Amino acid sequence: MLMITYLLRLADRFLGTRASVYGWALYFGNVGATVDCTTWTNVCVRCGAGHPSAWLLQEHMVKRGLQILPTYRCPGCRTRNFFTDDKG
């Protein structure tokens, strides 16, 4: 599942698809706060929590190590995920 998710993220980036994007939000009534509508591509394959790439980089959670592709551990469940930059 981890590799499939990463490949879908790459396809989204290079082919302009949205195969890896999921989620929804419903707002009823007057929403007093500003709603953040940016897309986060780093969604944990285990627990589904999303994290912005800028925050993962700022917190030094992204590791390259010996592997070619950068990874991060989900702050919630500690599962290893492939990292993708939200820009692009």
PDB file of N, CA and C in Angstrom:
ATOM      1  N   MET A   1       0.823  -1.187   0.000  1.00  0.00           N
ATOM      2  CA  MET A   1       0.000   0.000   0.000  1.00  0.00           C
ATOM      3  C   MET A   1       0.873   1.258   0.000  1.00  0.00           C
ATOM      4  N   LEU A   2       1.982   1.195   0.700  1.00  0.00           N
ATOM      5  CA  LEU A   2       2.880   2.339   0.792  1.00  0.00           C
ATOM      6  C   LEU A   2       3.392   2.745  -0.587  1.00  0.00           C
ATOM      7  N   MET A   3       3.829   1.794  -1.380  1.00  0.00           N
ATOM      8  CA  MET A   3       4.365   2.095  -2.705  1.00  0.00           C
ATOM      9  C   MET A   3       3.264   2.568  -3.654  1.00  0.00           C
ATOM     10  N   ILE A   4       2.081   1.985  -3.566  1.00  0.00           N
ATOM     11  CA  ILE A   4       0.966   2.408  -4.418  1.00  0.00           C
ATOM     12  C   ILE A   4       0.610   3.862  -4.132  1.00  0.00           C
ATOM     13  N   THR A   5       0.552   4.221  -2.867  1.00  0.00           N
ATOM     14  CA  THR A   5       0.248   5.598  -2.493  1.00  0.00           C
ATOM     15  C   THR A   5       1.282   6.554  -3.050  1.00  0.00           C
ATOM     16  N   TYR A   6       2.551   6.191  -2.956  1.00  0.00           N
ATOM     17  CA  TYR A   6       3.614   7.046  -3.463  1.00  0.00           C
ATOM     18  C   TYR A   6       3.518   7.185  -4.987  1.00  0.00           C
ATOM     19  N   LEU A   7       3.269   6.086  -5.685  1.00  0.00           N
ATOM     20  CA  LEU A   7       3.142   6.130  -7.143  1.00  0.00           C
ATOM     21  C   LEU A   7       1.954   6.989  -7.580  1.00  0.00           C
ATOM     22  N   LEU A   8       0.840   6.936  -6.841  1.00  0.00           N
ATOM     23  CA  LEU A   8      -0.305   7.794  -7.146  1.00  0.00           C
ATOM     24  C   LEU A   8       0.038   9.260  -6.934  1.00  0.00           C
ATOM     25  N   ARG A   9       0.812   9.568  -5.899  1.00  0.00           N
ATOM     26  CA  ARG A   9       1.241  10.949  -5.670  1.00  0.00           C
ATOM     27  C   ARG A   9       2.103  11.446  -6.832  1.00  0.00           C
ATOM     28  N   LEU A  10       3.006  10.605  -7.318  1.00  0.00           N
ATOM     29  CA  LEU A  10       3.841  10.980  -8.461  1.00  0.00           C
ATOM     30  C   LEU A  10       2.991  11.179  -9.711  1.00  0.00           C
ATOM     31  N   ALA A  11       2.030  10.301  -9.931  1.00  0.00           N
ATOM     32  CA  ALA A  11       1.143  10.438 -11.089  1.00  0.00           C
ATOM     33  C   ALA A  11       0.371  11.750 -11.015  1.00  0.00           C
ATOM     34  N   ASP A  12      -0.115  12.087  -9.833  1.00  0.00           N
ATOM     35  CA  ASP A  12      -0.822  13.361  -9.655  1.00  0.00           C
ATOM     36  C   ASP A  12       0.064  14.536 -10.051  1.00  0.00           C
ATOM     37  N   ARG A  13       1.288  14.496  -9.618  1.00  0.00           N
ATOM     38  CA  ARG A  13       2.214  15.595  -9.877  1.00  0.00           C
ATOM     39  C   ARG A  13       2.541  15.727 -11.362  1.00  0.00           C
ATOM     40  N   PHE A  14       2.869  14.619 -12.017  1.00  0.00           N
ATOM     41  CA  PHE A  14       3.358  14.687 -13.395  1.00  0.00           C
ATOM     42  C   PHE A  14       2.259  14.600 -14.456  1.00  0.00           C
ATOM     43  N   LEU A  15       1.131  13.974 -14.128  1.00  0.00           N
ATOM     44  CA  LEU A  15       0.056  13.820 -15.101  1.00  0.00           C
ATOM     45  C   LEU A  15      -1.124  14.757 -14.841  1.00  0.00           C
ATOM     46  N   GLY A  16      -1.064  15.487 -13.739  1.00  0.00           N
ATOM     47  CA  GLY A  16      -2.142  16.418 -13.423  1.00  0.00           C
ATOM     48  C   GLY A  16      -3.415  15.748 -12.948  1.00  0.00           C
ATOM     49  N   THR A  17      -3.319  14.505 -12.471  1.00  0.00           N
ATOM     50  CA  THR A  17      -4.496  13.792 -11.949  1.00  0.00           C
ATOM     51  C   THR A  17      -4.677  14.125 -10.470  1.00  0.00           C
ATOM     52  N   ARG A  18      -5.692  13.570  -9.855  1.00  0.00           N
ATOM     53  CA  ARG A  18      -5.933  13.742  -8.416  1.00  0.00           C
ATOM     54  C   ARG A  18      -6.254  12.385  -7.786  1.00  0.00           C
ATOM     55  N   ALA A  19      -5.577  11.347  -8.239  1.00  0.00           N
ATOM     56  CA  ALA A  19      -5.854   9.980  -7.786  1.00  0.00           C
ATOM     57  C   ALA A  19      -5.519   9.756  -6.318  1.00  0.00           C
ATOM     58  N   SER A  20      -4.565  10.507  -5.771  1.00  0.00           N
ATOM     59  CA  SER A  20      -4.176  10.283  -4.380  1.00  0.00           C
ATOM     60  C   SER A  20      -4.877  11.237  -3.417  1.00  0.00           C
ATOM     61  N   VAL A  21      -5.706  12.125  -3.941  1.00  0.00           N
ATOM     62  CA  VAL A  21      -6.387  13.115  -3.089  1.00  0.00           C
ATOM     63  C   VAL A  21      -7.703  12.533  -2.600  1.00  0.00           C
ATOM     64  N   TYR A  22      -7.914  12.623  -1.307  1.00  0.00           N
ATOM     65  CA  TYR A  22      -9.191  12.203  -0.762  1.00  0.00           C
ATOM     66  C   TYR A  22      -9.496  13.069   0.452  1.00  0.00           C
ATOM     67  N   GLY A  23     -10.700  12.963   0.938  1.00  0.00           N
ATOM     68  CA  GLY A  23     -11.112  13.734   2.108  1.00  0.00           C
ATOM     69  C   GLY A  23     -12.257  14.666   1.766  1.00  0.00           C
ATOM     70  N   TRP A  24     -12.848  15.209   2.782  1.00  0.00           N
ATOM     71  CA  TRP A  24     -13.974  16.109   2.598  1.00  0.00           C
ATOM     72  C   TRP A  24     -14.119  16.967   3.838  1.00  0.00           C
ATOM     73  N   ALA A  25     -14.888  18.023   3.697  1.00  0.00           N
ATOM     74  CA  ALA A  25     -15.202  18.898   4.826  1.00  0.00           C
ATOM     75  C   ALA A  25     -16.560  19.536   4.556  1.00  0.00           C
ATOM     76  N   LEU A  26     -17.382  19.580   5.555  1.00  0.00           N
ATOM     77  CA  LEU A  26     -18.695  20.212   5.450  1.00  0.00           C
ATOM     78  C   LEU A  26     -18.770  21.318   6.493  1.00  0.00           C
ATOM     79  N   TYR A  27     -19.201  22.489   6.062  1.00  0.00           N
ATOM     80  CA  TYR A  27     -19.338  23.629   6.972  1.00  0.00           C
ATOM     81  C   TYR A  27     -20.773  24.108   6.905  1.00  0.00           C
ATOM     82  N   PHE A  28     -21.406  24.237   8.067  1.00  0.00           N
ATOM     83  CA  PHE A  28     -22.785  24.700   8.139  1.00  0.00           C
ATOM     84  C   PHE A  28     -22.821  25.975   8.964  1.00  0.00           C
ATOM     85  N   GLY A  29     -23.576  26.941   8.516  1.00  0.00           N
ATOM     86  CA  GLY A  29     -23.711  28.180   9.259  1.00  0.00           C
ATOM     87  C   GLY A  29     -22.533  29.101   9.032  1.00  0.00           C
ATOM     88  N   ASN A  30     -22.345  30.012   9.953  1.00  0.00           N
ATOM     89  CA  ASN A  30     -21.289  31.021   9.857  1.00  0.00           C
ATOM     90  C   ASN A  30     -19.997  30.462  10.448  1.00  0.00           C
ATOM     91  N   VAL A  31     -18.990  30.312   9.605  1.00  0.00           N
ATOM     92  CA  VAL A  31     -17.689  29.826  10.060  1.00  0.00           C
ATOM     93  C   VAL A  31     -16.855  31.055  10.405  1.00  0.00           C
ATOM     94  N   GLY A  32     -16.515  31.216  11.665  1.00  0.00           N
ATOM     95  CA  GLY A  32     -15.810  32.404  12.121  1.00  0.00           C
ATOM     96  C   GLY A  32     -14.332  32.434  11.783  1.00  0.00           C
ATOM     97  N   ALA A  33     -13.727  31.283  11.665  1.00  0.00           N
ATOM     98  CA  ALA A  33     -12.282  31.209  11.414  1.00  0.00           C
ATOM     99  C   ALA A  33     -12.015  31.037   9.919  1.00  0.00           C
ATOM    100  N   THR A  34     -10.792  31.364   9.519  1.00  0.00           N
ATOM    101  CA  THR A  34     -10.371  31.150   8.144  1.00  0.00           C
ATOM    102  C   THR A  34     -10.167  29.658   7.901  1.00  0.00           C
ATOM    103  N   VAL A  35     -10.693  29.172   6.794  1.00  0.00           N
ATOM    104  CA  VAL A  35     -10.594  27.752   6.456  1.00  0.00           C
ATOM    105  C   VAL A  35      -9.374  27.536   5.562  1.00  0.00           C
ATOM    106  N   ASP A  36      -8.520  26.613   5.954  1.00  0.00           N
ATOM    107  CA  ASP A  36      -7.328  26.281   5.178  1.00  0.00           C
ATOM    108  C   ASP A  36      -7.718  25.250   4.115  1.00  0.00           C
ATOM    109  N   CYS A  37      -7.663  25.645   2.842  1.00  0.00           N
ATOM    110  CA  CYS A  37      -8.066  24.761   1.739  1.00  0.00           C
ATOM    111  C   CYS A  37      -6.885  24.215   0.951  1.00  0.00           C
ATOM    112  N   THR A  38      -5.686  24.308   1.511  1.00  0.00           N
ATOM    113  CA  THR A  38      -4.525  23.793   0.795  1.00  0.00           C
ATOM    114  C   THR A  38      -4.528  22.262   0.815  1.00  0.00           C
ATOM    115  N   THR A  39      -3.913  21.684  -0.198  1.00  0.00           N
ATOM    116  CA  THR A  39      -3.831  20.226  -0.310  1.00  0.00           C
ATOM    117  C   THR A  39      -2.552  19.734   0.355  1.00  0.00           C
ATOM    118  N   TRP A  40      -2.679  18.753   1.227  1.00  0.00           N
ATOM    119  CA  TRP A  40      -1.532  18.120   1.860  1.00  0.00           C
ATOM    120  C   TRP A  40      -1.374  16.741   1.228  1.00  0.00           C
ATOM    121  N   THR A  41      -0.204  16.476   0.668  1.00  0.00           N
ATOM    122  CA  THR A  41       0.015  15.198   0.003  1.00  0.00           C
ATOM    123  C   THR A  41       0.566  14.124   0.939  1.00  0.00           C
ATOM    124  N   ASN A  42       1.030  14.509   2.112  1.00  0.00           N
ATOM    125  CA  ASN A  42       1.605  13.544   3.055  1.00  0.00           C
ATOM    126  C   ASN A  42       0.525  13.069   4.021  1.00  0.00           C
ATOM    127  N   VAL A  43      -0.134  11.990   3.617  1.00  0.00           N
ATOM    128  CA  VAL A  43      -1.196  11.394   4.414  1.00  0.00           C
ATOM    129  C   VAL A  43      -0.738  10.004   4.813  1.00  0.00           C
ATOM    130  N   CYS A  44      -0.808   9.705   6.089  1.00  0.00           N
ATOM    131  CA  CYS A  44      -0.326   8.421   6.612  1.00  0.00           C
ATOM    132  C   CYS A  44      -1.111   7.259   6.023  1.00  0.00           C
ATOM    133  N   VAL A  45      -0.398   6.227   5.577  1.00  0.00           N
ATOM    134  CA  VAL A  45      -1.041   5.054   4.998  1.00  0.00           C
ATOM    135  C   VAL A  45      -1.721   4.185   6.059  1.00  0.00           C
ATOM    136  N   ARG A  46      -1.409   4.403   7.317  1.00  0.00           N
ATOM    137  CA  ARG A  46      -2.015   3.590   8.382  1.00  0.00           C
ATOM    138  C   ARG A  46      -3.188   4.298   9.047  1.00  0.00           C
ATOM    139  N   CYS A  47      -2.961   5.516   9.572  1.00  0.00           N
ATOM    140  CA  CYS A  47      -4.014   6.179  10.354  1.00  0.00           C
ATOM    141  C   CYS A  47      -4.771   7.254   9.575  1.00  0.00           C
ATOM    142  N   GLY A  48      -4.243   7.672   8.401  1.00  0.00           N
ATOM    143  CA  GLY A  48      -4.939   8.647   7.575  1.00  0.00           C
ATOM    144  C   GLY A  48      -4.731  10.095   7.956  1.00  0.00           C
ATOM    145  N   ALA A  49      -3.864  10.366   8.919  1.00  0.00           N
ATOM    146  CA  ALA A  49      -3.601  11.750   9.322  1.00  0.00           C
ATOM    147  C   ALA A  49      -2.772  12.461   8.261  1.00  0.00           C
ATOM    148  N   GLY A  50      -3.148  13.697   7.939  1.00  0.00           N
ATOM    149  CA  GLY A  50      -2.415  14.478   6.954  1.00  0.00           C
ATOM    150  C   GLY A  50      -1.498  15.483   7.623  1.00  0.00           C
ATOM    151  N   HIS A  51      -0.356  15.739   6.995  1.00  0.00           N
ATOM    152  CA  HIS A  51       0.627  16.672   7.539  1.00  0.00           C
ATOM    153  C   HIS A  51       1.216  17.502   6.410  1.00  0.00           C
ATOM    154  N   PRO A  52       1.289  18.829   6.566  1.00  0.00           N
ATOM    155  CA  PRO A  52       1.880  19.661   5.515  1.00  0.00           C
ATOM    156  C   PRO A  52       3.378  19.404   5.386  1.00  0.00           C
ATOM    157  N   SER A  53       3.865  19.385   4.162  1.00  0.00           N
ATOM    158  CA  SER A  53       5.281  19.081   3.927  1.00  0.00           C
ATOM    159  C   SER A  53       6.193  20.119   4.566  1.00  0.00           C
ATOM    160  N   ALA A  54       5.798  21.392   4.550  1.00  0.00           N
ATOM    161  CA  ALA A  54       6.634  22.440   5.155  1.00  0.00           C
ATOM    162  C   ALA A  54       6.825  22.176   6.648  1.00  0.00           C
ATOM    163  N   TRP A  55       5.783  21.729   7.331  1.00  0.00           N
ATOM    164  CA  TRP A  55       5.876  21.450   8.766  1.00  0.00           C
ATOM    165  C   TRP A  55       6.760  20.237   9.025  1.00  0.00           C
ATOM    166  N   LEU A  56       6.615  19.182   8.227  1.00  0.00           N
ATOM    167  CA  LEU A  56       7.459  17.994   8.392  1.00  0.00           C
ATOM    168  C   LEU A  56       8.931  18.345   8.210  1.00  0.00           C
ATOM    169  N   LEU A  57       9.232  19.199   7.235  1.00  0.00           N
ATOM    170  CA  LEU A  57      10.613  19.638   7.014  1.00  0.00           C
ATOM    171  C   LEU A  57      11.105  20.519   8.163  1.00  0.00           C
ATOM    172  N   GLN A  58      10.264  21.437   8.605  1.00  0.00           N
ATOM    173  CA  GLN A  58      10.626  22.348   9.699  1.00  0.00           C
ATOM    174  C   GLN A  58      10.932  21.591  10.985  1.00  0.00           C
ATOM    175  N   GLU A  59      10.192  20.542  11.239  1.00  0.00           N
ATOM    176  CA  GLU A  59      10.376  19.737  12.451  1.00  0.00           C
ATOM    177  C   GLU A  59      11.454  18.662  12.278  1.00  0.00           C
ATOM    178  N   HIS A  60      12.140  18.659  11.145  1.00  0.00           N
ATOM    179  CA  HIS A  60      13.221  17.704  10.854  1.00  0.00           C
ATOM    180  C   HIS A  60      12.740  16.259  10.953  1.00  0.00           C
ATOM    181  N   MET A  61      11.543  16.007  10.443  1.00  0.00           N
ATOM    182  CA  MET A  61      10.966  14.663  10.483  1.00  0.00           C
ATOM    183  C   MET A  61      11.243  13.887   9.201  1.00  0.00           C
ATOM    184  N   VAL A  62      11.740  14.557   8.161  1.00  0.00           N
ATOM    185  CA  VAL A  62      11.997  13.911   6.879  1.00  0.00           C
ATOM    186  C   VAL A  62      13.421  13.360   6.882  1.00  0.00           C
ATOM    187  N   LYS A  63      13.555  12.087   6.546  1.00  0.00           N
ATOM    188  CA  LYS A  63      14.855  11.408   6.548  1.00  0.00           C
ATOM    189  C   LYS A  63      15.137  10.853   5.167  1.00  0.00           C
ATOM    190  N   ARG A  64      16.385  10.911   4.769  1.00  0.00           N
ATOM    191  CA  ARG A  64      16.804  10.290   3.506  1.00  0.00           C
ATOM    192  C   ARG A  64      17.544   8.993   3.787  1.00  0.00           C
ATOM    193  N   GLY A  65      18.458   8.979   4.715  1.00  0.00           N
ATOM    194  CA  GLY A  65      19.174   7.763   5.067  1.00  0.00           C
ATOM    195  C   GLY A  65      19.777   7.063   3.869  1.00  0.00           C
ATOM    196  N   LEU A  66      19.751   5.741   3.866  1.00  0.00           N
ATOM    197  CA  LEU A  66      20.302   4.947   2.776  1.00  0.00           C
ATOM    198  C   LEU A  66      19.315   4.765   1.628  1.00  0.00           C
ATOM    199  N   GLN A  67      18.045   5.009   1.900  1.00  0.00           N
ATOM    200  CA  GLN A  67      17.051   4.844   0.840  1.00  0.00           C
ATOM    201  C   GLN A  67      17.072   6.035  -0.119  1.00  0.00           C
ATOM    202  N   ILE A  68      16.659   5.805  -1.331  1.00  0.00           N
ATOM    203  CA  ILE A  68      16.653   6.841  -2.364  1.00  0.00           C
ATOM    204  C   ILE A  68      15.527   7.841  -2.117  1.00  0.00           C
ATOM    205  N   LEU A  69      14.361   7.350  -1.742  1.00  0.00           N
ATOM    206  CA  LEU A  69      13.201   8.206  -1.542  1.00  0.00           C
ATOM    207  C   LEU A  69      13.129   8.701  -0.109  1.00  0.00           C
ATOM    208  N   PRO A  70      12.842   9.997   0.101  1.00  0.00           N
ATOM    209  CA  PRO A  70      12.733  10.511   1.466  1.00  0.00           C
ATOM    210  C   PRO A  70      11.495   9.945   2.166  1.00  0.00           C
ATOM    211  N   THR A  71      11.607   9.720   3.466  1.00  0.00           N
ATOM    212  CA  THR A  71      10.508   9.186   4.260  1.00  0.00           C
ATOM    213  C   THR A  71      10.320  10.035   5.514  1.00  0.00           C
ATOM    214  N   TYR A  72       9.194   9.831   6.175  1.00  0.00           N
ATOM    215  CA  TYR A  72       8.930  10.439   7.484  1.00  0.00           C
ATOM    216  C   TYR A  72       8.097   9.462   8.291  1.00  0.00           C
ATOM    217  N   ARG A  73       8.148   9.606   9.596  1.00  0.00           N
ATOM    218  CA  ARG A  73       7.298   8.801  10.477  1.00  0.00           C
ATOM    219  C   ARG A  73       6.103   9.658  10.877  1.00  0.00           C
ATOM    220  N   CYS A  74       4.919   9.092  10.760  1.00  0.00           N
ATOM    221  CA  CYS A  74       3.699   9.807  11.133  1.00  0.00           C
ATOM    222  C   CYS A  74       3.795  10.210  12.606  1.00  0.00           C
ATOM    223  N   PRO A  75       3.570  11.480  12.917  1.00  0.00           N
ATOM    224  CA  PRO A  75       3.629  11.906  14.321  1.00  0.00           C
ATOM    225  C   PRO A  75       2.588  11.219  15.200  1.00  0.00           C
ATOM    226  N   GLY A  76       1.485  10.757  14.601  1.00  0.00           N
ATOM    227  CA  GLY A  76       0.426  10.127  15.377  1.00  0.00           C
ATOM    228  C   GLY A  76       0.656   8.666  15.683  1.00  0.00           C
ATOM    229  N   CYS A  77       0.982   7.877  14.646  1.00  0.00           N
ATOM    230  CA  CYS A  77       1.075   6.423  14.847  1.00  0.00           C
ATOM    231  C   CYS A  77       2.471   5.862  14.589  1.00  0.00           C
ATOM    232  N   ARG A  78       3.418   6.718  14.187  1.00  0.00           N
ATOM    233  CA  ARG A  78       4.821   6.363  13.979  1.00  0.00           C
ATOM    234  C   ARG A  78       5.058   5.433  12.782  1.00  0.00           C
ATOM    235  N   THR A  79       4.093   5.308  11.879  1.00  0.00           N
ATOM    236  CA  THR A  79       4.269   4.497  10.678  1.00  0.00           C
ATOM    237  C   THR A  79       5.149   5.243   9.678  1.00  0.00           C
ATOM    238  N   ARG A  80       6.045   4.530   9.022  1.00  0.00           N
ATOM    239  CA  ARG A  80       6.911   5.142   8.015  1.00  0.00           C
ATOM    240  C   ARG A  80       6.133   5.351   6.720  1.00  0.00           C
ATOM    241  N   ASN A  81       6.277   6.547   6.142  1.00  0.00           N
ATOM    242  CA  ASN A  81       5.603   6.936   4.910  1.00  0.00           C
ATOM    243  C   ASN A  81       6.607   7.584   3.981  1.00  0.00           C
ATOM    244  N   PHE A  82       6.353   7.506   2.681  1.00  0.00           N
ATOM    245  CA  PHE A  82       7.173   8.252   1.735  1.00  0.00           C
ATOM    246  C   PHE A  82       6.765   9.719   1.787  1.00  0.00           C
ATOM    247  N   PHE A  83       7.754  10.595   1.694  1.00  0.00           N
ATOM    248  CA  PHE A  83       7.536  12.040   1.757  1.00  0.00           C
ATOM    249  C   PHE A  83       7.407  12.625   0.371  1.00  0.00           C
ATOM    250  N   THR A  84       6.430  13.502   0.170  1.00  0.00           N
ATOM    251  CA  THR A  84       6.317  14.280  -1.057  1.00  0.00           C
ATOM    252  C   THR A  84       6.112  15.743  -0.694  1.00  0.00           C
ATOM    253  N   ASP A  85       6.656  16.631  -1.508  1.00  0.00           N
ATOM    254  CA  ASP A  85       6.519  18.063  -1.282  1.00  0.00           C
ATOM    255  C   ASP A  85       5.143  18.511  -1.755  1.00  0.00           C
ATOM    256  N   ASP A  86       4.449  19.303  -0.959  1.00  0.00           N
ATOM    257  CA  ASP A  86       3.107  19.769  -1.307  1.00  0.00           C
ATOM    258  C   ASP A  86       3.139  20.747  -2.486  1.00  0.00           C
ATOM    259  N   LYS A  87       4.261  21.388  -2.729  1.00  0.00           N
ATOM    260  CA  LYS A  87       4.364  22.330  -3.841  1.00  0.00           C
ATOM    261  C   LYS A  87       4.381  21.573  -5.154  1.00  0.00           C
ATOM    262  N   GLY A  88       3.850  22.201  -6.190  1.00  0.00           N
ATOM    263  CA  GLY A  88       3.912  21.574  -7.507  1.00  0.00           C
ATOM    264  C   GLY A  88       2.580  21.213  -7.962  1.00  0.00           C
TER     265      GLY A  88
END
